[in-house]
């Protein structure tokens, strides 16, 4: 006993002496180990904090299924047999039974891991396409993995052949631990929510995929009212610009393209029809009017494409650049969504003059188609002020009720074009000549003279009331002269045609 005790003491002394230099390091390591153990401690979530539809829940479920090795449970269920009748057949009550009259049912419940598993999208078996615009096709990928030890022969159920969902690729045998990606497309054709189930069958089990998506009609609001954008009057070889807005009012992004009919490949084919002045009984079918002699488009648009976010808007710039005088410049702008659906059709119009002044209104006397023959040009370099005479027809229709005539009214507009040049005379003056004979015939003009500043228009109101003794069976015409003074002098011969029609 003493020898043993001495050995223990010596060994204890030796350890103490050998460990005296290393003991601080061991103490630090033990301290760090305790600190790391404390920092790596994970508190499990509370049951009320677990959300079955969350990504974390789905990922944890996939990991548990992957590591599941199988389980077998057996249950014995006693079944007591009772005889007799209840007092109320509609509401069965309790019957007396004997514990000796009992049968035992043994139920075996083997639990095995499924052979096929969804590993994409955190293991969620629901494929949601969200909101998709009508006419668009969206693809989704779903990756499956064989977690069994056998080769799986995959088969699928049939999707609705008239529905929006489609399985794009064929199934093939899947080796153990291999993966396979399914391609499913969604192309809605109606504004509603769609839902289908796709079952992937194996020999021993089936995997069910829930597919859902909603079709939405893309909608854009346009700030152009009436489908017409009038660029007004511009001097030849100058340009004017304006803007309009298109706003996305739906909950998804909308891709748009803007097209001009003058740049369409089918423009020349559409222009082979007879001009509108030869077929007055039909509505004009032409969507493209007078264009530039240079071959360049008289209207230009920017941007021509883009993507508008939900409840956002884009500003579209339109520029009008004529190279010769005409009152019938025209083009058609189309806003196309997703390269398929035409959302808005806007008619672009404009006029070009060589001089600052213009007179707008009256009945049409010319046609919107230009001749291909050459037109002699006037030499404007010889005189500073050139007088031109033009004819304007204004028809005034009065209605007759017994012996009473209603007053007919028309309107003309005198305008002055705003230009970047600096002419000697910037505004435009106008006045009528010799109005006294017309006033005796029931005509009145307001105003009879005035001036117009650059970039503005002024209206001239013409009214006519048939005087006493007027012959309503004949159409009468009365001429009057209107003079415009700007960079040149223009004289308009206005022919007032008066007609009386019965009520």
Protein backbone atom coordinates (compact mmCIF):
# COMPACT_ATOMS: atom_id res chain seq x y z
CA UNK A 1 0.00 0.00 0.00
CA UNK A 2 2.79 2.37 0.77
CA UNK A 3 4.61 1.56 -2.47
CA UNK A 4 1.51 2.22 -4.47
CA UNK A 5 0.94 5.49 -2.73
CA UNK A 6 4.51 6.58 -3.40
CA UNK A 7 4.22 5.80 -7.09
CA UNK A 8 1.02 7.78 -7.33
CA UNK A 9 2.67 10.70 -5.61
CA UNK A 10 5.69 10.56 -7.93
CA UNK A 11 3.55 10.36 -11.00
CA UNK A 12 1.47 13.23 -9.79
CA UNK A 13 4.58 15.26 -9.19
CA UNK A 14 5.93 14.43 -12.64
CA UNK A 15 2.70 15.50 -14.37
CA UNK A 16 2.55 18.67 -12.45
CA UNK A 17 6.13 19.50 -13.33
CA UNK A 18 5.71 18.64 -17.05
CA UNK A 19 2.46 20.48 -17.44
CA UNK A 20 3.47 23.64 -15.70
CA UNK A 21 4.51 25.36 -19.00
CA UNK A 22 1.59 24.11 -21.13
CA UNK A 23 -1.24 24.65 -18.75
CA UNK A 24 -2.04 28.27 -19.90
CA UNK A 25 -2.47 27.14 -23.51
CA UNK A 26 -4.75 24.28 -22.51
CA UNK A 27 -6.77 26.68 -20.42
CA UNK A 28 -7.19 29.01 -23.41
CA UNK A 29 -8.22 26.10 -25.70
CA UNK A 30 -10.76 24.85 -23.20
CA UNK A 31 -12.12 28.38 -22.85
CA UNK A 32 -12.40 28.81 -26.64
CA UNK A 33 -14.04 25.42 -26.95
CA UNK A 34 -16.63 26.38 -24.38
CA UNK A 35 -17.19 29.73 -26.14
CA UNK A 36 -17.66 28.08 -29.59
CA UNK A 37 -20.02 25.50 -28.14
CA UNK A 38 -22.09 28.25 -26.59
CA UNK A 39 -22.12 30.32 -29.81
CA UNK A 40 -23.14 27.34 -31.98
CA UNK A 41 -26.18 26.60 -29.88
CA UNK A 42 -29.35 26.84 -32.02
CA UNK A 43 -32.70 27.37 -30.40
CA UNK A 44 -35.42 25.40 -32.19
CA UNK A 45 -38.42 27.43 -33.31
CA UNK A 46 -41.65 27.30 -31.42
CA UNK A 47 -44.56 25.38 -33.04
CA UNK A 48 -46.54 28.58 -33.56
CA UNK A 49 -43.58 30.10 -35.45
CA UNK A 50 -43.49 27.34 -38.08
CA UNK A 51 -45.24 28.25 -41.32
CA UNK A 52 -46.04 25.17 -43.44
CA UNK A 53 -46.00 27.14 -46.71
CA UNK A 54 -42.65 28.87 -46.17
CA UNK A 55 -39.45 28.11 -48.07
CA UNK A 56 -37.66 27.12 -44.87
CA UNK A 57 -40.37 24.58 -44.01
CA UNK A 58 -40.22 23.05 -47.50
CA UNK A 59 -36.41 22.84 -47.45
CA UNK A 60 -36.44 21.17 -44.03
CA UNK A 61 -39.11 18.72 -45.16
CA UNK A 62 -37.04 17.73 -48.21
CA UNK A 63 -33.99 17.13 -46.03
CA UNK A 64 -35.98 14.96 -43.60
CA UNK A 65 -37.44 12.90 -46.42
CA UNK A 66 -34.01 12.44 -47.99
CA UNK A 67 -32.57 11.10 -44.69
CA UNK A 68 -35.59 8.98 -43.80
CA UNK A 69 -34.62 5.27 -43.61
CA UNK A 70 -38.03 3.71 -43.17
CA UNK A 71 -40.15 2.74 -40.21
CA UNK A 72 -42.52 -0.08 -39.37
CA UNK A 73 -45.38 0.26 -36.87
CA UNK A 74 -47.95 -2.28 -35.75
CA UNK A 75 -51.23 -1.47 -33.98
CA UNK A 76 -53.80 -3.77 -32.33
CA UNK A 77 -57.29 -2.29 -32.27
CA UNK A 78 -59.99 -3.94 -30.09
CA UNK A 79 -63.44 -4.00 -31.66
CA UNK A 80 -66.37 -4.71 -29.36
CA UNK A 81 -69.52 -6.17 -30.90
CA UNK A 82 -72.90 -5.00 -29.53
CA UNK A 83 -76.39 -6.09 -30.52
CA UNK A 84 -79.80 -4.47 -30.26
CA UNK A 85 -81.60 -1.45 -31.62
CA UNK A 86 -81.21 2.19 -30.79
CA UNK A 87 -84.13 4.24 -29.64
CA UNK A 88 -83.79 6.70 -32.47
CA UNK A 89 -82.64 5.39 -35.86
CA UNK A 90 -81.81 8.87 -37.10
CA UNK A 91 -79.49 9.50 -34.15
CA UNK A 92 -77.74 6.24 -33.12
CA UNK A 93 -77.01 6.02 -29.38
CA UNK A 94 -74.87 3.80 -27.18
CA UNK A 95 -75.49 0.04 -27.04
CA UNK A 96 -74.51 -2.32 -24.27
CA UNK A 97 -71.73 -4.72 -25.10
CA UNK A 98 -69.83 -7.50 -23.38
CA UNK A 99 -66.02 -7.39 -23.00
CA UNK A 100 -65.98 -11.05 -23.88
CA UNK A 101 -67.59 -10.37 -27.26
CA UNK A 102 -64.50 -8.69 -28.74
CA UNK A 103 -62.47 -8.93 -31.95
CA UNK A 104 -58.89 -7.72 -32.32
CA UNK A 105 -57.73 -6.06 -35.52
CA UNK A 106 -53.98 -5.92 -36.11
CA UNK A 107 -52.84 -3.13 -38.47
CA UNK A 108 -49.34 -3.03 -39.95
CA UNK A 109 -48.12 0.42 -41.06
CA UNK A 110 -44.82 0.40 -42.95
CA UNK A 111 -43.46 3.88 -43.70
CA UNK A 112 -40.95 4.21 -46.54
CA UNK A 113 -39.31 7.22 -48.17
CA UNK A 114 -40.73 8.24 -51.57
CA UNK A 115 -38.52 7.32 -54.52
CA UNK A 116 -38.95 10.69 -56.26
CA UNK A 117 -38.40 14.13 -54.80
CA UNK A 118 -38.67 17.75 -55.93
CA UNK A 119 -35.36 19.51 -55.24
CA UNK A 120 -35.96 22.83 -57.05
CA UNK A 121 -37.73 25.82 -55.50
CA UNK A 122 -36.83 24.64 -51.96
CA UNK A 123 -38.68 21.40 -52.55
CA UNK A 124 -42.10 22.97 -53.05
CA UNK A 125 -44.42 20.91 -55.23
CA UNK A 126 -46.54 23.94 -56.18
CA UNK A 127 -45.59 25.59 -59.47
CA UNK A 128 -46.92 29.17 -59.49
CA UNK A 129 -46.64 31.21 -62.69
CA UNK A 130 -48.18 34.30 -61.10
CA UNK A 131 -49.72 36.91 -63.40
CA UNK A 132 -49.06 36.48 -67.13
CA UNK A 133 -50.37 38.70 -69.93
CA UNK A 134 -52.76 37.15 -72.43
CA UNK A 135 -50.99 35.77 -75.48
CA UNK A 136 -47.65 35.43 -73.68
CA UNK A 137 -45.87 32.15 -72.90
CA UNK A 138 -43.88 31.69 -69.70
CA UNK A 139 -41.69 28.66 -68.92
CA UNK A 140 -40.97 27.11 -65.53
CA UNK A 141 -38.41 24.43 -64.64
CA UNK A 142 -39.04 21.75 -61.98
CA UNK A 143 -36.12 19.49 -61.06
CA UNK A 144 -36.80 15.95 -59.78
CA UNK A 145 -34.32 13.56 -58.16
CA UNK A 146 -34.35 9.81 -57.75
CA UNK A 147 -33.49 9.21 -54.06
CA UNK A 148 -34.11 5.46 -54.23
CA UNK A 149 -31.68 2.67 -55.12
CA UNK A 150 -33.63 1.55 -58.20
CA UNK A 151 -34.09 2.82 -61.74
CA UNK A 152 -37.37 4.70 -62.00
CA UNK A 153 -39.61 4.54 -65.07
CA UNK A 154 -41.44 7.87 -65.09
CA UNK A 155 -44.93 8.39 -66.46
CA UNK A 156 -47.17 11.45 -66.21
CA UNK A 157 -50.86 12.17 -66.13
CA UNK A 158 -52.50 14.15 -68.92
CA UNK A 159 -52.99 17.89 -68.66
CA UNK A 160 -56.05 19.54 -70.17
CA UNK A 161 -55.35 19.60 -73.94
CA UNK A 162 -57.41 22.80 -74.25
CA UNK A 163 -55.89 24.42 -71.17
CA UNK A 164 -53.01 26.87 -70.86
CA UNK A 165 -50.51 24.45 -69.27
CA UNK A 166 -48.27 22.20 -71.34
CA UNK A 167 -45.51 19.71 -70.48
CA UNK A 168 -42.80 20.56 -73.00
CA UNK A 169 -40.40 17.60 -72.69
CA UNK A 170 -40.80 13.83 -72.59
CA UNK A 171 -40.01 11.70 -69.55
CA UNK A 172 -37.16 9.18 -69.45
CA UNK A 173 -35.87 6.50 -67.04
CA UNK A 174 -34.08 7.98 -64.07
CA UNK A 175 -30.99 6.33 -62.56
CA UNK A 176 -30.43 6.36 -58.78
CA UNK A 177 -29.30 9.79 -57.51
CA UNK A 178 -29.85 11.30 -60.98
CA UNK A 179 -31.95 14.40 -61.59
CA UNK A 180 -34.36 15.36 -64.36
CA UNK A 181 -35.81 18.79 -65.19
CA UNK A 182 -39.41 19.17 -66.33
CA UNK A 183 -40.34 22.10 -68.58
CA UNK A 184 -43.88 23.40 -68.11
CA UNK A 185 -45.28 26.32 -70.12
CA UNK A 186 -48.18 28.62 -69.33
CA UNK A 187 -49.93 30.49 -72.15
CA UNK A 188 -53.23 31.98 -70.89
CA UNK A 189 -55.96 32.89 -73.34
CA UNK A 190 -58.48 34.28 -70.86
CA UNK A 191 -58.47 36.64 -67.89
CA UNK A 192 -58.96 34.15 -65.08
CA UNK A 193 -57.08 31.94 -62.62
CA UNK A 194 -56.06 28.49 -63.89
CA UNK A 195 -55.26 25.43 -61.75
CA UNK A 196 -54.28 21.88 -62.69
CA UNK A 197 -52.49 18.89 -61.16
CA UNK A 198 -49.71 16.95 -62.86
CA UNK A 199 -48.95 13.50 -61.43
CA UNK A 200 -45.56 11.87 -62.03
CA UNK A 201 -46.00 8.12 -61.60
CA UNK A 202 -43.43 5.49 -60.70
CA UNK A 203 -44.00 1.80 -60.03
CA UNK A 204 -44.26 2.25 -56.27
CA UNK A 205 -45.44 5.82 -55.75
CA UNK A 206 -46.66 9.02 -57.38
CA UNK A 207 -45.58 12.65 -57.04
CA UNK A 208 -48.25 15.33 -57.45
CA UNK A 209 -47.38 18.80 -58.77
CA UNK A 210 -49.89 21.61 -58.35
CA UNK A 211 -49.73 24.12 -61.21
CA UNK A 212 -51.40 27.52 -61.00
CA UNK A 213 -51.34 30.81 -62.88
CA UNK A 214 -53.53 33.78 -63.69
CA UNK A 215 -54.09 35.40 -67.07
CA UNK A 216 -54.35 39.18 -67.21
CA UNK A 217 -55.31 41.50 -70.04
CA UNK A 218 -52.56 44.13 -70.42
CA UNK A 219 -54.04 47.61 -70.54
CA UNK A 220 -52.47 50.93 -71.48
CA UNK A 221 -54.07 54.34 -71.20
CA UNK A 222 -53.16 56.93 -73.82
CA UNK A 223 -53.32 60.68 -73.29
CA UNK A 224 -54.32 61.31 -76.94
CA UNK A 225 -58.06 61.91 -77.04
CA UNK A 226 -60.17 60.83 -79.98
CA UNK A 227 -57.36 58.83 -81.58
CA UNK A 228 -56.04 61.87 -83.50
CA UNK A 229 -52.89 63.92 -82.95
CA UNK A 230 -52.79 67.15 -84.99
CA UNK A 231 -49.31 68.61 -85.31
CA UNK A 232 -50.68 71.87 -86.72
CA UNK A 233 -48.98 74.09 -89.29
CA UNK A 234 -45.21 74.17 -89.79
CA UNK A 235 -43.00 76.09 -92.19
CA UNK A 236 -41.43 74.00 -94.96
CA UNK A 237 -38.08 72.45 -93.94
CA UNK A 238 -38.71 73.22 -90.29
CA UNK A 239 -40.08 70.89 -87.63
CA UNK A 240 -42.40 70.81 -84.64
CA UNK A 241 -42.52 68.31 -81.78
CA UNK A 242 -45.09 67.19 -79.25
CA UNK A 243 -45.41 64.45 -76.65
CA UNK A 244 -48.07 62.14 -75.33
CA UNK A 245 -48.10 59.60 -72.52
CA UNK A 246 -48.97 55.92 -72.32
CA UNK A 247 -49.64 54.53 -68.84
CA UNK A 248 -49.63 50.92 -67.70
CA UNK A 249 -52.72 50.32 -65.55
CA UNK A 250 -52.26 46.59 -64.89
CA UNK A 251 -50.20 44.78 -62.23
CA UNK A 252 -47.49 43.38 -64.52
CA UNK A 253 -44.78 44.76 -66.78
CA UNK A 254 -45.89 45.55 -70.33
CA UNK A 255 -43.57 45.51 -73.33
CA UNK A 256 -44.62 47.82 -76.15
CA UNK A 257 -43.54 48.62 -79.69
CA UNK A 258 -44.55 51.62 -81.78
CA UNK A 259 -45.04 51.29 -85.55
CA UNK A 260 -45.77 53.79 -88.30
CA UNK A 261 -47.83 52.63 -91.26
CA UNK A 262 -45.57 54.63 -93.59
CA UNK A 263 -42.72 52.28 -92.64
CA UNK A 264 -44.80 49.11 -92.98
CA UNK A 265 -43.83 46.48 -95.54
CA UNK A 266 -47.46 46.31 -96.69
CA UNK A 267 -47.74 50.08 -97.33
CA UNK A 268 -47.31 49.83 -101.10
CA UNK A 269 -49.84 47.00 -101.39
CA UNK A 270 -52.42 49.01 -99.42
CA UNK A 271 -51.91 52.03 -101.71
CA UNK A 272 -52.94 50.10 -104.83
CA UNK A 273 -56.61 50.77 -104.07
CA UNK A 274 -58.50 53.61 -105.73
CA UNK A 275 -58.06 57.01 -104.06
CA UNK A 276 -60.79 58.20 -101.76
CA UNK A 277 -62.00 61.01 -104.06
CA UNK A 278 -62.92 58.38 -106.70
CA UNK A 279 -64.93 56.32 -104.19
CA UNK A 280 -66.80 58.93 -102.11
CA UNK A 281 -69.44 56.40 -101.05
CA UNK A 282 -66.84 54.42 -99.11
CA UNK A 283 -64.88 55.35 -96.05
CA UNK A 284 -61.23 56.18 -96.78
CA UNK A 285 -59.10 53.08 -96.31
CA UNK A 286 -55.74 54.80 -96.60
CA UNK A 287 -53.83 55.17 -93.36
CA UNK A 288 -50.89 56.99 -94.95
CA UNK A 289 -51.19 60.42 -96.57
CA UNK A 290 -48.72 62.82 -98.17
CA UNK A 291 -45.05 62.03 -97.44
CA UNK A 292 -41.79 63.88 -97.97
CA UNK A 293 -40.24 64.12 -101.42
CA UNK A 294 -36.87 63.20 -99.93
CA UNK A 295 -38.05 59.72 -98.95
CA UNK A 296 -37.53 60.40 -95.26
CA UNK A 297 -40.50 59.85 -92.97
CA UNK A 298 -42.35 63.09 -92.32
CA UNK A 299 -43.29 61.85 -88.82
CA UNK A 300 -40.75 60.34 -86.45
CA UNK A 301 -41.36 58.72 -83.05
CA UNK A 302 -39.10 58.00 -80.10
CA UNK A 303 -38.77 55.73 -78.25
CA UNK A 304 -40.08 52.99 -80.51
CA UNK A 305 -40.06 50.29 -77.83
CA UNK A 306 -39.81 49.86 -74.10
CA UNK A 307 -41.06 48.13 -70.97
CA UNK A 308 -43.47 49.92 -68.62
CA UNK A 309 -43.67 48.78 -65.00
CA UNK A 310 -46.96 48.44 -63.12
CA UNK A 311 -48.75 51.79 -62.74
CA UNK A 312 -45.89 53.57 -64.52
CA UNK A 313 -45.99 55.74 -67.64
CA UNK A 314 -43.72 56.55 -70.58
CA UNK A 315 -43.55 59.75 -72.61
CA UNK A 316 -43.58 59.37 -76.41
CA UNK A 317 -42.06 62.11 -78.57
CA UNK A 318 -43.50 62.80 -82.04
CA UNK A 319 -41.68 65.08 -84.51
CA UNK A 320 -43.19 66.55 -87.70
CA UNK A 321 -40.62 67.55 -90.39
CA UNK A 322 -42.16 68.37 -93.82
CA UNK A 323 -40.02 69.23 -96.85
CA UNK A 324 -42.69 70.75 -99.14
CA UNK A 325 -46.00 72.58 -98.91
CA UNK A 326 -49.10 70.42 -98.36
CA UNK A 327 -52.19 70.37 -96.17
CA UNK A 328 -52.58 66.60 -96.15
CA UNK A 329 -49.61 65.10 -94.35
CA UNK A 330 -50.86 62.01 -92.58
CA UNK A 331 -49.61 58.81 -91.00
CA UNK A 332 -50.92 56.21 -88.55
CA UNK A 333 -49.17 55.28 -85.32
CA UNK A 334 -49.86 51.91 -83.70
CA UNK A 335 -48.95 50.90 -80.15
CA UNK A 336 -48.38 47.14 -80.07
CA UNK A 337 -48.12 45.08 -76.88
CA UNK A 338 -45.81 42.06 -76.68
CA UNK A 339 -45.38 42.13 -80.49
CA UNK A 340 -48.94 40.84 -80.92
CA UNK A 341 -51.85 42.90 -79.61
CA UNK A 342 -52.48 46.42 -80.95
CA UNK A 343 -53.50 48.59 -78.00
CA UNK A 344 -53.96 52.04 -79.58
CA UNK A 345 -54.19 53.45 -83.10
CA UNK A 346 -53.42 57.17 -83.42
CA UNK A 347 -53.87 59.18 -86.60
CA UNK A 348 -51.09 61.73 -87.11
CA UNK A 349 -51.89 64.84 -89.15
CA UNK A 350 -49.98 67.97 -90.10
CA UNK A 351 -49.76 70.78 -92.65
CA UNK A 352 -46.85 72.75 -94.08
CA UNK A 353 -46.78 76.26 -95.56
CA UNK A 354 -44.10 78.33 -97.27
CA UNK A 355 -45.31 81.50 -95.55
CA UNK A 356 -46.22 82.47 -92.02
CA UNK A 357 -49.98 82.85 -92.41
CA UNK A 358 -52.67 80.23 -92.97
CA UNK A 359 -56.46 80.06 -93.18
CA UNK A 360 -58.13 76.95 -91.81
CA UNK A 361 -61.73 75.88 -92.32
CA UNK A 362 -64.28 75.77 -95.11
CA UNK A 363 -65.40 72.94 -97.35
CA UNK A 364 -62.74 70.70 -98.94
CA UNK A 365 -61.99 71.67 -102.54
CA UNK A 366 -58.82 69.64 -103.12
CA UNK A 367 -57.89 65.98 -102.69
CA UNK A 368 -55.47 64.36 -100.29
CA UNK A 369 -53.52 62.64 -103.08
CA UNK A 370 -50.72 64.42 -104.86
CA UNK A 371 -50.15 64.21 -108.59
CA UNK A 372 -46.99 62.57 -109.92
CA UNK A 373 -46.64 65.21 -112.62
CA UNK A 374 -44.34 68.14 -112.12
CA UNK A 375 -45.86 71.35 -110.80
CA UNK A 376 -44.34 74.65 -112.01
CA UNK A 377 -42.86 76.65 -109.17
CA UNK A 378 -43.34 80.41 -108.83
CA UNK A 379 -40.26 82.56 -108.72
CA UNK A 380 -40.49 84.29 -105.36
CA UNK A 381 -37.09 85.96 -105.55
CA UNK A 382 -38.11 88.83 -107.79
CA UNK A 383 -40.46 90.58 -105.34
CA UNK A 384 -40.47 90.86 -101.59
CA UNK A 385 -44.26 90.88 -101.29
CA UNK A 386 -46.14 88.43 -103.47
CA UNK A 387 -49.92 88.45 -103.81
CA UNK A 388 -51.68 85.08 -104.11
CA UNK A 389 -55.40 84.48 -104.61
CA UNK A 390 -56.97 81.31 -103.22
CA UNK A 391 -60.57 80.13 -103.17
CA UNK A 392 -62.39 78.91 -100.06
CA UNK A 393 -65.94 77.53 -100.12
CA UNK A 394 -68.12 78.00 -97.03
CA UNK A 395 -71.61 76.44 -97.07
CA UNK A 396 -74.20 77.78 -94.62
CA UNK A 397 -77.36 75.72 -94.11
CA UNK A 398 -80.46 77.24 -92.55
CA UNK A 399 -83.54 75.27 -91.55
CA UNK A 400 -87.07 76.51 -92.25
CA UNK A 401 -90.00 75.90 -89.92
CA UNK A 402 -93.14 77.36 -91.50
CA UNK A 403 -92.11 81.01 -92.08
CA UNK A 404 -89.23 81.07 -89.59
CA UNK A 405 -85.60 80.58 -90.62
CA UNK A 406 -82.87 79.44 -88.25
CA UNK A 407 -79.46 81.08 -88.21
CA UNK A 408 -76.62 79.16 -89.87
CA UNK A 409 -73.08 79.51 -88.47
CA UNK A 410 -69.58 78.55 -89.61
CA UNK A 411 -66.09 79.27 -88.37
CA UNK A 412 -62.77 80.06 -90.04
CA UNK A 413 -59.40 80.28 -88.32
CA UNK A 414 -56.53 82.62 -89.18
CA UNK A 415 -53.17 81.52 -87.82
CA UNK A 416 -49.58 82.64 -87.64
CA UNK A 417 -46.84 80.00 -87.68
CA UNK A 418 -44.14 80.28 -85.04
CA UNK A 419 -40.76 79.90 -86.69
CA UNK A 420 -37.14 79.79 -85.65
CA UNK A 421 -36.34 82.31 -88.35
CA UNK A 422 -36.63 86.04 -87.77
CA UNK A 423 -38.83 87.58 -90.44
CA UNK A 424 -39.24 91.36 -90.68
CA UNK A 425 -42.93 91.04 -89.78
CA UNK A 426 -43.67 88.54 -87.05
CA UNK A 427 -47.44 88.79 -86.70
CA UNK A 428 -50.26 88.35 -89.25
CA UNK A 429 -53.02 90.85 -89.98
CA UNK A 430 -56.37 90.10 -91.64
CA UNK A 431 -59.39 92.13 -92.79
CA UNK A 432 -62.52 91.80 -94.97
CA UNK A 433 -63.32 94.09 -97.89
CA UNK A 434 -66.72 95.65 -98.77
CA UNK A 435 -68.98 93.99 -96.15
CA UNK A 436 -71.99 96.34 -96.52
CA UNK A 437 -73.72 94.44 -99.40
CA UNK A 438 -73.34 91.14 -97.50
CA UNK A 439 -74.82 92.54 -94.33
CA UNK A 440 -77.97 93.43 -96.28
CA UNK A 441 -78.20 89.76 -97.31
CA UNK A 442 -78.19 88.58 -93.70
CA UNK A 443 -74.45 87.88 -93.25
CA UNK A 444 -72.40 88.95 -90.26
CA UNK A 445 -68.68 88.57 -89.53
CA UNK A 446 -66.95 88.72 -86.14
CA UNK A 447 -64.31 90.10 -86.14
CA UNK A 448 -63.97 91.89 -89.45
CA UNK A 449 -60.26 92.59 -88.90
CA UNK A 450 -57.51 91.84 -86.45
CA UNK A 451 -54.02 90.49 -85.91
CA UNK A 452 -52.55 87.16 -84.82
CA UNK A 453 -49.32 86.63 -82.89
CA UNK A 454 -46.84 83.86 -83.82
CA UNK A 455 -47.92 80.43 -82.62
CA UNK A 456 -51.57 81.45 -82.19
CA UNK A 457 -54.89 81.20 -84.04
CA UNK A 458 -57.92 83.46 -84.11
CA UNK A 459 -61.45 82.42 -85.00
CA UNK A 460 -63.71 84.30 -87.43
CA UNK A 461 -67.41 83.57 -86.86
CA UNK A 462 -69.68 83.78 -89.91
CA UNK A 463 -73.46 83.71 -89.43
CA UNK A 464 -76.30 83.96 -91.90
CA UNK A 465 -80.01 84.51 -91.34
CA UNK A 466 -82.18 84.51 -94.52
CA UNK A 467 -83.72 87.96 -94.99
CA UNK A 468 -87.39 88.57 -95.63
CA UNK A 469 -88.51 87.45 -99.06
CA UNK A 470 -85.65 84.98 -99.47
CA UNK A 471 -86.34 82.29 -102.10
CA UNK A 472 -85.69 79.00 -100.30
CA UNK A 473 -85.93 76.96 -103.52
CA UNK A 474 -82.60 78.15 -104.88
CA UNK A 475 -79.01 77.89 -103.72
CA UNK A 476 -77.29 81.28 -103.79
CA UNK A 477 -73.60 82.06 -103.72
CA UNK A 478 -72.02 85.31 -102.55
CA UNK A 479 -68.27 86.06 -102.79
CA UNK A 480 -66.26 88.08 -100.31
CA UNK A 481 -62.56 88.88 -100.12
CA UNK A 482 -60.33 88.21 -97.08
CA UNK A 483 -56.78 89.59 -97.05
CA UNK A 484 -53.92 88.22 -94.93
CA UNK A 485 -50.71 90.19 -94.45
CA UNK A 486 -47.57 88.54 -93.16
CA UNK A 487 -44.24 87.91 -94.87
CA UNK A 488 -46.37 88.06 -98.07
CA UNK A 489 -49.90 89.17 -98.90
CA UNK A 490 -52.46 86.44 -99.52
CA UNK A 491 -55.96 87.15 -100.80
CA UNK A 492 -58.69 84.56 -100.22
CA UNK A 493 -61.85 84.63 -102.26
CA UNK A 494 -64.45 83.20 -99.89
CA UNK A 495 -67.55 81.90 -101.65
CA UNK A 496 -70.53 81.83 -99.29
CA UNK A 497 -73.02 79.21 -100.46
CA UNK A 498 -76.42 79.51 -98.74
CA UNK A 499 -78.93 76.64 -98.55
CA UNK A 500 -82.32 76.42 -96.87
CA UNK A 501 -83.59 72.98 -95.89
CA UNK A 502 -86.98 72.08 -94.38
CA UNK A 503 -87.12 71.10 -90.71
